[in-house]
PDB file of N, CA and C in Angstrom:
ATOM      1  N   MET A   1      -0.104  -1.220   0.036  1.00  0.00           N
ATOM      2  CA  MET A   1      -0.046  -0.089  -0.061  1.00  0.00           C
ATOM      3  C   MET A   1       1.130   0.902   0.171  1.00  0.00           C
ATOM      4  N   SER A   2       0.315   1.931  -1.138  1.00  0.00           N
ATOM      5  CA  SER A   2       1.399   3.450  -0.798  1.00  0.00           C
ATOM      6  C   SER A   2       1.241   4.233   0.124  1.00  0.00           C
ATOM      7  N   VAL A   3       2.600   4.875   0.465  1.00  0.00           N
ATOM      8  CA  VAL A   3       2.088   5.407   1.900  1.00  0.00           C
ATOM      9  C   VAL A   3       1.048   7.059   1.425  1.00  0.00           C
ATOM     10  N   ALA A   4       0.941   7.346   0.470  1.00  0.00           N
ATOM     11  CA  ALA A   4      -0.312   8.305  -0.258  1.00  0.00           C
ATOM     12  C   ALA A   4      -1.471   7.923   0.197  1.00  0.00           C
ATOM     13  N   ARG A   5      -2.036   6.303   0.276  1.00  0.00           N
ATOM     14  CA  ARG A   5      -2.760   6.102   0.542  1.00  0.00           C
ATOM     15  C   ARG A   5      -3.659   5.870   1.677  1.00  0.00           C
ATOM     16  N   GLU A   6      -2.689   5.276   2.400  1.00  0.00           N
ATOM     17  CA  GLU A   6      -2.123   5.085   3.917  1.00  0.00           C
ATOM     18  C   GLU A   6      -2.888   6.423   4.562  1.00  0.00           C
ATOM     19  N   ALA A   7      -1.926   7.354   4.131  1.00  0.00           N
ATOM     20  CA  ALA A   7      -1.723   9.164   5.654  1.00  0.00           C
ATOM     21  C   ALA A   7      -3.460   9.189   4.888  1.00  0.00           C
ATOM     22  N   PHE A   8      -4.294   9.277   3.766  1.00  0.00           N
ATOM     23  CA  PHE A   8      -5.318   9.570   3.362  1.00  0.00           C
ATOM     24  C   PHE A   8      -6.517   8.113   4.237  1.00  0.00           C
ATOM     25  N   LYS A   9      -6.283   7.569   4.120  1.00  0.00           N
ATOM     26  CA  LYS A   9      -6.842   6.651   5.233  1.00  0.00           C
ATOM     27  C   LYS A   9      -6.883   7.650   6.676  1.00  0.00           C
ATOM     28  N   GLN A  10      -6.328   7.870   7.580  1.00  0.00           N
ATOM     29  CA  GLN A  10      -6.295   7.863   8.039  1.00  0.00           C
ATOM     30  C   GLN A  10      -6.586   9.206   8.644  1.00  0.00           C
ATOM     31  N   ARG A  11      -6.703  10.691   7.643  1.00  0.00           N
ATOM     32  CA  ARG A  11      -7.042  11.332   7.507  1.00  0.00           C
ATOM     33  C   ARG A  11      -8.460  11.374   7.694  1.00  0.00           C
ATOM     34  N   THR A  12      -9.436  10.230   6.476  1.00  0.00           N
ATOM     35  CA  THR A  12     -10.509  10.885   5.867  1.00  0.00           C
ATOM     36  C   THR A  12     -11.191   9.983   7.607  1.00  0.00           C
ATOM     37  N   LYS A  13     -10.049   9.308   8.276  1.00  0.00           N
ATOM     38  CA  LYS A  13     -10.789   8.421   9.849  1.00  0.00           C
ATOM     39  C   LYS A  13     -11.138   9.713  10.581  1.00  0.00           C
ATOM     40  N   LYS A  14      -9.883  10.616  10.822  1.00  0.00           N
ATOM     41  CA  LYS A  14     -10.277  11.610  12.019  1.00  0.00           C
ATOM     42  C   LYS A  14     -11.140  12.675  11.057  1.00  0.00           C
ATOM     43  N   PHE A  15     -11.215  13.072  10.360  1.00  0.00           N
ATOM     44  CA  PHE A  15     -12.710  13.775   9.602  1.00  0.00           C
ATOM     45  C   PHE A  15     -13.583  12.678  10.150  1.00  0.00           C
ATOM     46  N   ALA A  16     -14.233  11.696  10.160  1.00  0.00           N
ATOM     47  CA  ALA A  16     -14.735  11.374  10.394  1.00  0.00           C
ATOM     48  C   ALA A  16     -15.179  11.025  12.034  1.00  0.00           C
ATOM     49  N   LEU A  17     -14.405  11.003  12.954  1.00  0.00           N
ATOM     50  CA  LEU A  17     -13.714  11.078  14.399  1.00  0.00           C
ATOM     51  C   LEU A  17     -14.593  12.419  14.554  1.00  0.00           C
ATOM     52  N   ARG A  18     -14.004  13.423  13.436  1.00  0.00           N
ATOM     53  CA  ARG A  18     -14.488  14.478  13.989  1.00  0.00           C
ATOM     54  C   ARG A  18     -16.157  15.443  14.306  1.00  0.00           C
ATOM     55  N   VAL A  19     -16.252  14.065  12.437  1.00  0.00           N
ATOM     56  CA  VAL A  19     -17.999  14.767  11.953  1.00  0.00           C
ATOM     57  C   VAL A  19     -17.969  13.369  13.506  1.00  0.00           C
ATOM     58  N   ILE A  20     -18.465  12.368  14.842  1.00  0.00           N
ATOM     59  CA  ILE A  20     -18.464  12.426  14.892  1.00  0.00           C
ATOM     60  C   ILE A  20     -18.686  12.914  16.290  1.00  0.00           C
ATOM     61  N   ARG A  21     -17.668  13.848  16.348  1.00  0.00           N
ATOM     62  CA  ARG A  21     -17.941  14.415  18.129  1.00  0.00           C
ATOM     63  C   ARG A  21     -18.914  15.557  18.292  1.00  0.00           C
ATOM     64  N   LEU A  22     -18.919  16.751  16.764  1.00  0.00           N
ATOM     65  CA  LEU A  22     -19.565  17.841  16.121  1.00  0.00           C
ATOM     66  C   LEU A  22     -21.200  17.362  16.143  1.00  0.00           C
ATOM     67  N   VAL A  23     -21.625  16.391  15.288  1.00  0.00           N
ATOM     68  CA  VAL A  23     -22.734  15.804  15.928  1.00  0.00           C
ATOM     69  C   VAL A  23     -23.229  15.100  16.831  1.00  0.00           C
ATOM     70  N   ASP A  24     -22.395  15.078  18.329  1.00  0.00           N
ATOM     71  CA  ASP A  24     -23.197  14.856  19.723  1.00  0.00           C
ATOM     72  C   ASP A  24     -22.716  16.075  20.361  1.00  0.00           C
ATOM     73  N   SER A  25     -22.345  16.821  19.645  1.00  0.00           N
ATOM     74  CA  SER A  25     -22.269  18.588  20.410  1.00  0.00           C
ATOM     75  C   SER A  25     -23.137  19.332  20.201  1.00  0.00           C
ATOM     76  N   LEU A  26     -24.508  18.406  19.185  1.00  0.00           N
ATOM     77  CA  LEU A  26     -24.939  19.237  18.764  1.00  0.00           C
ATOM     78  C   LEU A  26     -26.358  19.616  19.700  1.00  0.00           C
ATOM     79  N   PRO A  27     -27.133  20.702  19.324  1.00  0.00           N
ATOM     80  CA  PRO A  27     -28.248  21.547  20.438  1.00  0.00           C
ATOM     81  C   PRO A  27     -29.092  20.688  20.373  1.00  0.00           C
ATOM     82  N   ASN A  28     -30.127  19.810  21.562  1.00  0.00           N
ATOM     83  CA  ASN A  28     -31.316  19.118  21.299  1.00  0.00           C
ATOM     84  C   ASN A  28     -32.775  19.686  20.669  1.00  0.00           C
ATOM     85  N   ARG A  29     -32.268  19.890  18.815  1.00  0.00           N
ATOM     86  CA  ARG A  29     -33.260  20.506  18.600  1.00  0.00           C
ATOM     87  C   ARG A  29     -34.232  19.491  17.086  1.00  0.00           C
ATOM     88  N   ARG A  30     -34.777  19.474  16.884  1.00  0.00           N
ATOM     89  CA  ARG A  30     -35.349  19.230  15.225  1.00  0.00           C
ATOM     90  C   ARG A  30     -34.048  19.199  14.402  1.00  0.00           C
ATOM     91  N   SER A  31     -34.088  20.551  14.468  1.00  0.00           N
ATOM     92  CA  SER A  31     -33.688  20.993  13.202  1.00  0.00           C
ATOM     93  C   SER A  31     -31.670  20.164  12.786  1.00  0.00           C
ATOM     94  N   ALA A  32     -31.364  20.997  13.868  1.00  0.00           N
ATOM     95  CA  ALA A  32     -30.288  20.448  14.110  1.00  0.00           C
ATOM     96  C   ALA A  32     -30.037  19.186  14.518  1.00  0.00           C
ATOM     97  N   ARG A  33     -31.238  17.323  14.905  1.00  0.00           N
ATOM     98  CA  ARG A  33     -30.997  16.310  15.107  1.00  0.00           C
ATOM     99  C   ARG A  33     -31.124  15.881  13.191  1.00  0.00           C
ATOM    100  N   VAL A  34     -32.050  16.692  12.297  1.00  0.00           N
ATOM    101  CA  VAL A  34     -32.478  16.204  11.052  1.00  0.00           C
ATOM    102  C   VAL A  34     -31.192  16.724  10.405  1.00  0.00           C
ATOM    103  N   MET A  35     -30.425  17.800  10.619  1.00  0.00           N
ATOM    104  CA  MET A  35     -29.174  18.222   9.381  1.00  0.00           C
ATOM    105  C   MET A  35     -27.618  16.619  10.334  1.00  0.00           C
ATOM    106  N   GLY A  36     -28.037  17.304  11.479  1.00  0.00           N
ATOM    107  CA  GLY A  36     -26.620  16.434  12.264  1.00  0.00           C
ATOM    108  C   GLY A  36     -26.784  14.360  11.510  1.00  0.00           C
ATOM    109  N   ASP A  37     -28.058  14.438  11.681  1.00  0.00           N
ATOM    110  CA  ASP A  37     -27.758  12.734  11.102  1.00  0.00           C
ATOM    111  C   ASP A  37     -27.079  12.614   9.665  1.00  0.00           C
ATOM    112  N   GLN A  38     -27.125  13.464   8.594  1.00  0.00           N
ATOM    113  CA  GLN A  38     -27.500  13.569   7.408  1.00  0.00           C
ATOM    114  C   GLN A  38     -25.652  13.475   7.268  1.00  0.00           C
ATOM    115  N   LEU A  39     -25.107  14.910   8.160  1.00  0.00           N
ATOM    116  CA  LEU A  39     -23.810  14.888   8.265  1.00  0.00           C
ATOM    117  C   LEU A  39     -23.693  13.436   9.784  1.00  0.00           C
ATOM    118  N   LEU A  40     -24.091  12.438   9.663  1.00  0.00           N
ATOM    119  CA  LEU A  40     -23.246  11.501  10.352  1.00  0.00           C
ATOM    120  C   LEU A  40     -23.351  10.388   9.624  1.00  0.00           C
ATOM    121  N   ARG A  41     -24.425  10.517   8.841  1.00  0.00           N
ATOM    122  CA  ARG A  41     -24.556   9.396   7.431  1.00  0.00           C
ATOM    123  C   ARG A  41     -23.155   9.536   6.396  1.00  0.00           C
ATOM    124  N   SER A  42     -23.352  11.536   5.886  1.00  0.00           N
ATOM    125  CA  SER A  42     -22.073  11.357   4.841  1.00  0.00           C
ATOM    126  C   SER A  42     -21.053  11.478   5.394  1.00  0.00           C
ATOM    127  N   GLY A  43     -20.767  12.123   6.316  1.00  0.00           N
ATOM    128  CA  GLY A  43     -18.998  12.285   6.739  1.00  0.00           C
ATOM    129  C   GLY A  43     -18.554  10.912   7.238  1.00  0.00           C
ATOM    130  N   THR A  44     -18.843   9.863   7.264  1.00  0.00           N
ATOM    131  CA  THR A  44     -18.341   9.013   8.414  1.00  0.00           C
ATOM    132  C   THR A  44     -17.748   8.018   6.753  1.00  0.00           C
ATOM    133  N   SER A  45     -18.919   8.017   6.031  1.00  0.00           N
ATOM    134  CA  SER A  45     -18.797   7.140   4.403  1.00  0.00           C
ATOM    135  C   SER A  45     -18.090   7.850   3.879  1.00  0.00           C
ATOM    136  N   VAL A  46     -17.340   8.706   3.862  1.00  0.00           N
ATOM    137  CA  VAL A  46     -16.173   9.368   3.702  1.00  0.00           C
ATOM    138  C   VAL A  46     -14.748   8.357   3.192  1.00  0.00           C
ATOM    139  N   GLY A  47     -14.474   8.072   4.361  1.00  0.00           N
ATOM    140  CA  GLY A  47     -13.636   7.405   4.899  1.00  0.00           C
ATOM    141  C   GLY A  47     -13.817   5.815   4.146  1.00  0.00           C
ATOM    142  N   ALA A  48     -15.215   5.214   5.163  1.00  0.00           N
ATOM    143  CA  ALA A  48     -15.626   4.006   4.319  1.00  0.00           C
ATOM    144  C   ALA A  48     -15.665   3.680   2.733  1.00  0.00           C
ATOM    145  N   ASN A  49     -16.006   4.567   1.751  1.00  0.00           N
ATOM    146  CA  ASN A  49     -16.002   5.036   0.647  1.00  0.00           C
ATOM    147  C   ASN A  49     -14.327   4.815   0.399  1.00  0.00           C
ATOM    148  N   TYR A  50     -13.305   5.542   0.343  1.00  0.00           N
ATOM    149  CA  TYR A  50     -12.095   5.303   0.645  1.00  0.00           C
ATOM    150  C   TYR A  50     -11.505   4.146   0.889  1.00  0.00           C
ATOM    151  N   ARG A  51     -11.539   3.668   1.260  1.00  0.00           N
ATOM    152  CA  ARG A  51     -11.500   2.608   1.926  1.00  0.00           C
ATOM    153  C   ARG A  51     -11.845   1.357   0.468  1.00  0.00           C
ATOM    154  N   ALA A  52     -12.947   1.431   0.013  1.00  0.00           N
ATOM    155  CA  ALA A  52     -13.972   0.088  -0.552  1.00  0.00           C
ATOM    156  C   ALA A  52     -12.564   1.320  -1.857  1.00  0.00           C
ATOM    157  N   ALA A  53     -12.232   2.140  -2.027  1.00  0.00           N
ATOM    158  CA  ALA A  53     -11.916   1.935  -3.523  1.00  0.00           C
ATOM    159  C   ALA A  53     -10.241   2.026  -3.304  1.00  0.00           C
ATOM    160  N   CYS A  54      -9.745   1.978  -2.160  1.00  0.00           N
ATOM    161  CA  CYS A  54      -8.594   1.312  -2.516  1.00  0.00           C
ATOM    162  C   CYS A  54      -8.529  -0.665  -2.744  1.00  0.00           C
ATOM    163  N   ARG A  55      -9.407  -0.803  -2.426  1.00  0.00           N
ATOM    164  CA  ARG A  55      -9.199  -2.086  -3.370  1.00  0.00           C
ATOM    165  C   ARG A  55      -9.437  -2.892  -4.046  1.00  0.00           C
ATOM    166  N   ALA A  56     -10.346  -1.883  -4.818  1.00  0.00           N
ATOM    167  CA  ALA A  56     -10.784  -1.093  -6.902  1.00  0.00           C
ATOM    168  C   ALA A  56      -9.725  -3.090  -7.459  1.00  0.00           C
ATOM    169  N   ARG A  57     -10.767  -3.230  -8.478  1.00  0.00           N
ATOM    170  CA  ARG A  57      -9.296  -4.001  -9.311  1.00  0.00           C
ATOM    171  C   ARG A  57      -8.674  -3.199  -9.996  1.00  0.00           C
ATOM    172  N   SER A  58      -9.677  -2.586 -10.526  1.00  0.00           N
ATOM    173  CA  SER A  58      -8.692  -1.806 -11.622  1.00  0.00           C
ATOM    174  C   SER A  58      -8.789  -0.262 -11.757  1.00  0.00           C
ATOM    175  N   ARG A  59      -7.904   0.056 -12.704  1.00  0.00           N
ATOM    176  CA  ARG A  59      -7.903   1.905 -12.146  1.00  0.00           C
ATOM    177  C   ARG A  59      -9.230   2.562 -12.123  1.00  0.00           C
ATOM    178  N   LYS A  60     -10.122   1.307 -13.509  1.00  0.00           N
ATOM    179  CA  LYS A  60     -11.542   2.925 -13.813  1.00  0.00           C
ATOM    180  C   LYS A  60     -12.241   2.209 -12.469  1.00  0.00           C
ATOM    181  N   GLU A  61     -12.371   1.307 -11.651  1.00  0.00           N
ATOM    182  CA  GLU A  61     -13.192   0.842 -10.658  1.00  0.00           C
ATOM    183  C   GLU A  61     -12.714   1.646  -9.005  1.00  0.00           C
ATOM    184  N   PHE A  62     -10.944   1.914  -8.944  1.00  0.00           N
ATOM    185  CA  PHE A  62     -10.621   2.774  -7.779  1.00  0.00           C
ATOM    186  C   PHE A  62     -11.037   4.443  -8.508  1.00  0.00           C
ATOM    187  N   CYS A  63     -11.554   4.845  -9.827  1.00  0.00           N
ATOM    188  CA  CYS A  63     -11.472   5.767 -10.159  1.00  0.00           C
ATOM    189  C   CYS A  63     -13.859   5.793 -10.101  1.00  0.00           C
ATOM    190  N   SER A  64     -13.789   5.560 -10.172  1.00  0.00           N
ATOM    191  CA  SER A  64     -15.516   5.758  -9.818  1.00  0.00           C
ATOM    192  C   SER A  64     -15.829   5.393  -9.072  1.00  0.00           C
ATOM    193  N   LYS A  65     -15.352   4.639  -8.158  1.00  0.00           N
ATOM    194  CA  LYS A  65     -15.605   4.731  -6.208  1.00  0.00           C
ATOM    195  C   LYS A  65     -14.994   5.524  -5.924  1.00  0.00           C
ATOM    196  N   LEU A  66     -13.785   6.409  -6.617  1.00  0.00           N
ATOM    197  CA  LEU A  66     -13.168   7.641  -5.646  1.00  0.00           C
ATOM    198  C   LEU A  66     -14.516   8.687  -5.924  1.00  0.00           C
ATOM    199  N   GLY A  67     -14.979   8.347  -7.263  1.00  0.00           N
ATOM    200  CA  GLY A  67     -16.179   9.203  -7.131  1.00  0.00           C
ATOM    201  C   GLY A  67     -17.107   9.598  -6.271  1.00  0.00           C
ATOM    202  N   ILE A  68     -17.502   7.993  -5.806  1.00  0.00           N
ATOM    203  CA  ILE A  68     -18.346   7.949  -4.174  1.00  0.00           C
ATOM    204  C   ILE A  68     -17.922   9.030  -3.007  1.00  0.00           C
ATOM    205  N   VAL A  69     -16.586   9.044  -3.103  1.00  0.00           N
ATOM    206  CA  VAL A  69     -16.026   9.203  -1.933  1.00  0.00           C
ATOM    207  C   VAL A  69     -16.716  11.441  -2.375  1.00  0.00           C
ATOM    208  N   GLU A  70     -15.484  11.364  -2.985  1.00  0.00           N
ATOM    209  CA  GLU A  70     -16.182  12.916  -3.351  1.00  0.00           C
ATOM    210  C   GLU A  70     -17.525  13.404  -3.137  1.00  0.00           C
ATOM    211  N   GLU A  71     -18.493  12.979  -4.217  1.00  0.00           N
ATOM    212  CA  GLU A  71     -20.320  12.991  -3.997  1.00  0.00           C
ATOM    213  C   GLU A  71     -20.358  13.208  -1.964  1.00  0.00           C
ATOM    214  N   GLU A  72     -19.484  12.184  -1.001  1.00  0.00           N
ATOM    215  CA  GLU A  72     -19.618  12.547  -0.403  1.00  0.00           C
ATOM    216  C   GLU A  72     -19.310  13.404   0.927  1.00  0.00           C
ATOM    217  N   ALA A  73     -17.792  13.830   0.874  1.00  0.00           N
ATOM    218  CA  ALA A  73     -16.852  15.137   1.443  1.00  0.00           C
ATOM    219  C   ALA A  73     -17.557  15.668   0.972  1.00  0.00           C
ATOM    220  N   ASP A  74     -18.444  15.948  -0.697  1.00  0.00           N
ATOM    221  CA  ASP A  74     -19.157  17.903  -0.878  1.00  0.00           C
ATOM    222  C   ASP A  74     -20.814  17.983  -0.516  1.00  0.00           C
ATOM    223  N   GLU A  75     -21.486  16.325  -0.116  1.00  0.00           N
ATOM    224  CA  GLU A  75     -22.203  15.952   0.564  1.00  0.00           C
ATOM    225  C   GLU A  75     -22.114  16.727   2.057  1.00  0.00           C
ATOM    226  N   SER A  76     -21.060  16.265   2.703  1.00  0.00           N
ATOM    227  CA  SER A  76     -20.484  16.769   4.264  1.00  0.00           C
ATOM    228  C   SER A  76     -20.227  18.259   4.194  1.00  0.00           C
ATOM    229  N   ALA A  77     -19.189  18.925   3.968  1.00  0.00           N
ATOM    230  CA  ALA A  77     -19.836  20.207   3.169  1.00  0.00           C
ATOM    231  C   ALA A  77     -20.679  20.934   3.019  1.00  0.00           C
ATOM    232  N   TYR A  78     -21.762  20.212   2.681  1.00  0.00           N
ATOM    233  CA  TYR A  78     -23.319  21.343   2.848  1.00  0.00           C
ATOM    234  C   TYR A  78     -23.804  21.018   4.270  1.00  0.00           C
ATOM    235  N   TRP A  79     -24.126  20.754   4.091  1.00  0.00           N
ATOM    236  CA  TRP A  79     -24.486  20.109   6.101  1.00  0.00           C
ATOM    237  C   TRP A  79     -24.063  21.099   7.321  1.00  0.00           C
ATOM    238  N   MET A  80     -22.241  20.414   6.717  1.00  0.00           N
ATOM    239  CA  MET A  80     -21.645  21.597   7.187  1.00  0.00           C
ATOM    240  C   MET A  80     -22.221  23.289   7.793  1.00  0.00           C
ATOM    241  N   GLU A  81     -22.167  23.376   5.858  1.00  0.00           N
ATOM    242  CA  GLU A  81     -22.362  24.914   5.878  1.00  0.00           C
ATOM    243  C   GLU A  81     -23.790  25.647   6.596  1.00  0.00           C
ATOM    244  N   LEU A  82     -25.132  24.367   6.407  1.00  0.00           N
ATOM    245  CA  LEU A  82     -26.387  24.298   6.683  1.00  0.00           C
ATOM    246  C   LEU A  82     -26.189  24.844   8.009  1.00  0.00           C
ATOM    247  N   LEU A  83     -25.404  24.399   8.579  1.00  0.00           N
ATOM    248  CA  LEU A  83     -25.303  24.001  10.245  1.00  0.00           C
ATOM    249  C   LEU A  83     -24.898  25.328  10.542  1.00  0.00           C
ATOM    250  N   ILE A  84     -23.903  25.903  10.183  1.00  0.00           N
ATOM    251  CA  ILE A  84     -23.019  26.971  10.154  1.00  0.00           C
ATOM    252  C   ILE A  84     -24.355  28.227  10.184  1.00  0.00           C
ATOM    253  N   GLU A  85     -24.608  28.389   8.771  1.00  0.00           N
ATOM    254  CA  GLU A  85     -25.518  30.071   8.007  1.00  0.00           C
ATOM    255  C   GLU A  85     -27.268  29.291   8.548  1.00  0.00           C
ATOM    256  N   SER A  86     -27.321  28.360   9.575  1.00  0.00           N
ATOM    257  CA  SER A  86     -28.944  28.382  10.974  1.00  0.00           C
ATOM    258  C   SER A  86     -28.539  28.871  11.697  1.00  0.00           C
ATOM    259  N   ASN A  87     -26.681  29.169  12.138  1.00  0.00           N
ATOM    260  CA  ASN A  87     -26.522  29.108  13.918  1.00  0.00           C
ATOM    261  C   ASN A  87     -26.948  28.592  15.257  1.00  0.00           C
ATOM    262  N   THR A  88     -26.823  27.319  14.587  1.00  0.00           N
ATOM    263  CA  THR A  88     -26.538  25.746  15.214  1.00  0.00           C
ATOM    264  C   THR A  88     -25.303  25.702  16.002  1.00  0.00           C
ATOM    265  N   VAL A  89     -23.930  26.179  14.592  1.00  0.00           N
ATOM    266  CA  VAL A  89     -23.394  26.232  15.214  1.00  0.00           C
ATOM    267  C   VAL A  89     -22.368  27.274  14.362  1.00  0.00           C
ATOM    268  N   ARG A  90     -20.898  27.759  15.774  1.00  0.00           N
ATOM    269  CA  ARG A  90     -20.094  28.673  14.894  1.00  0.00           C
ATOM    270  C   ARG A  90     -18.927  28.084  13.759  1.00  0.00           C
ATOM    271  N   GLN A  91     -18.350  28.590  13.484  1.00  0.00           N
ATOM    272  CA  GLN A  91     -17.593  28.646  12.882  1.00  0.00           C
ATOM    273  C   GLN A  91     -16.635  28.715  13.228  1.00  0.00           C
ATOM    274  N   VAL A  92     -15.275  27.605  13.589  1.00  0.00           N
ATOM    275  CA  VAL A  92     -14.457  27.733  13.814  1.00  0.00           C
ATOM    276  C   VAL A  92     -12.832  27.706  12.453  1.00  0.00           C
ATOM    277  N   LEU A  93     -11.738  28.615  12.261  1.00  0.00           N
ATOM    278  CA  LEU A  93     -11.119  28.415  11.772  1.00  0.00           C
ATOM    279  C   LEU A  93      -9.673  26.819  11.971  1.00  0.00           C
TER     280      LEU A  93
END
C-alpha cells in the first residue's frame, strides 16, 4: 500500500471522528438532529468509501469509487454549511 493511500485513510478516519464529535455536541433541536443525522451518514462514509476504493480491482473501478468519496465529502460540506449558516454551530477556523 502506498504511503499516500495510507495517509489518506488516516485523514478520512480523523474526519469521521471529528464529525461524530460535532454531531454529538449539537443542541437537542429537531433541525439540528436532522442535519446532524445527515452529516453523520455522509461524513463517516467518506472514509469507508475511500477504503472500498483502495480495494478496487482496476484503475477504472478506483476512479469510479473515488467519485463516490468526492460526492460524500461534498454532501458533508453542505450539511456543515447549513449548520453554520443556521447558527446551529459556530464556525471555527
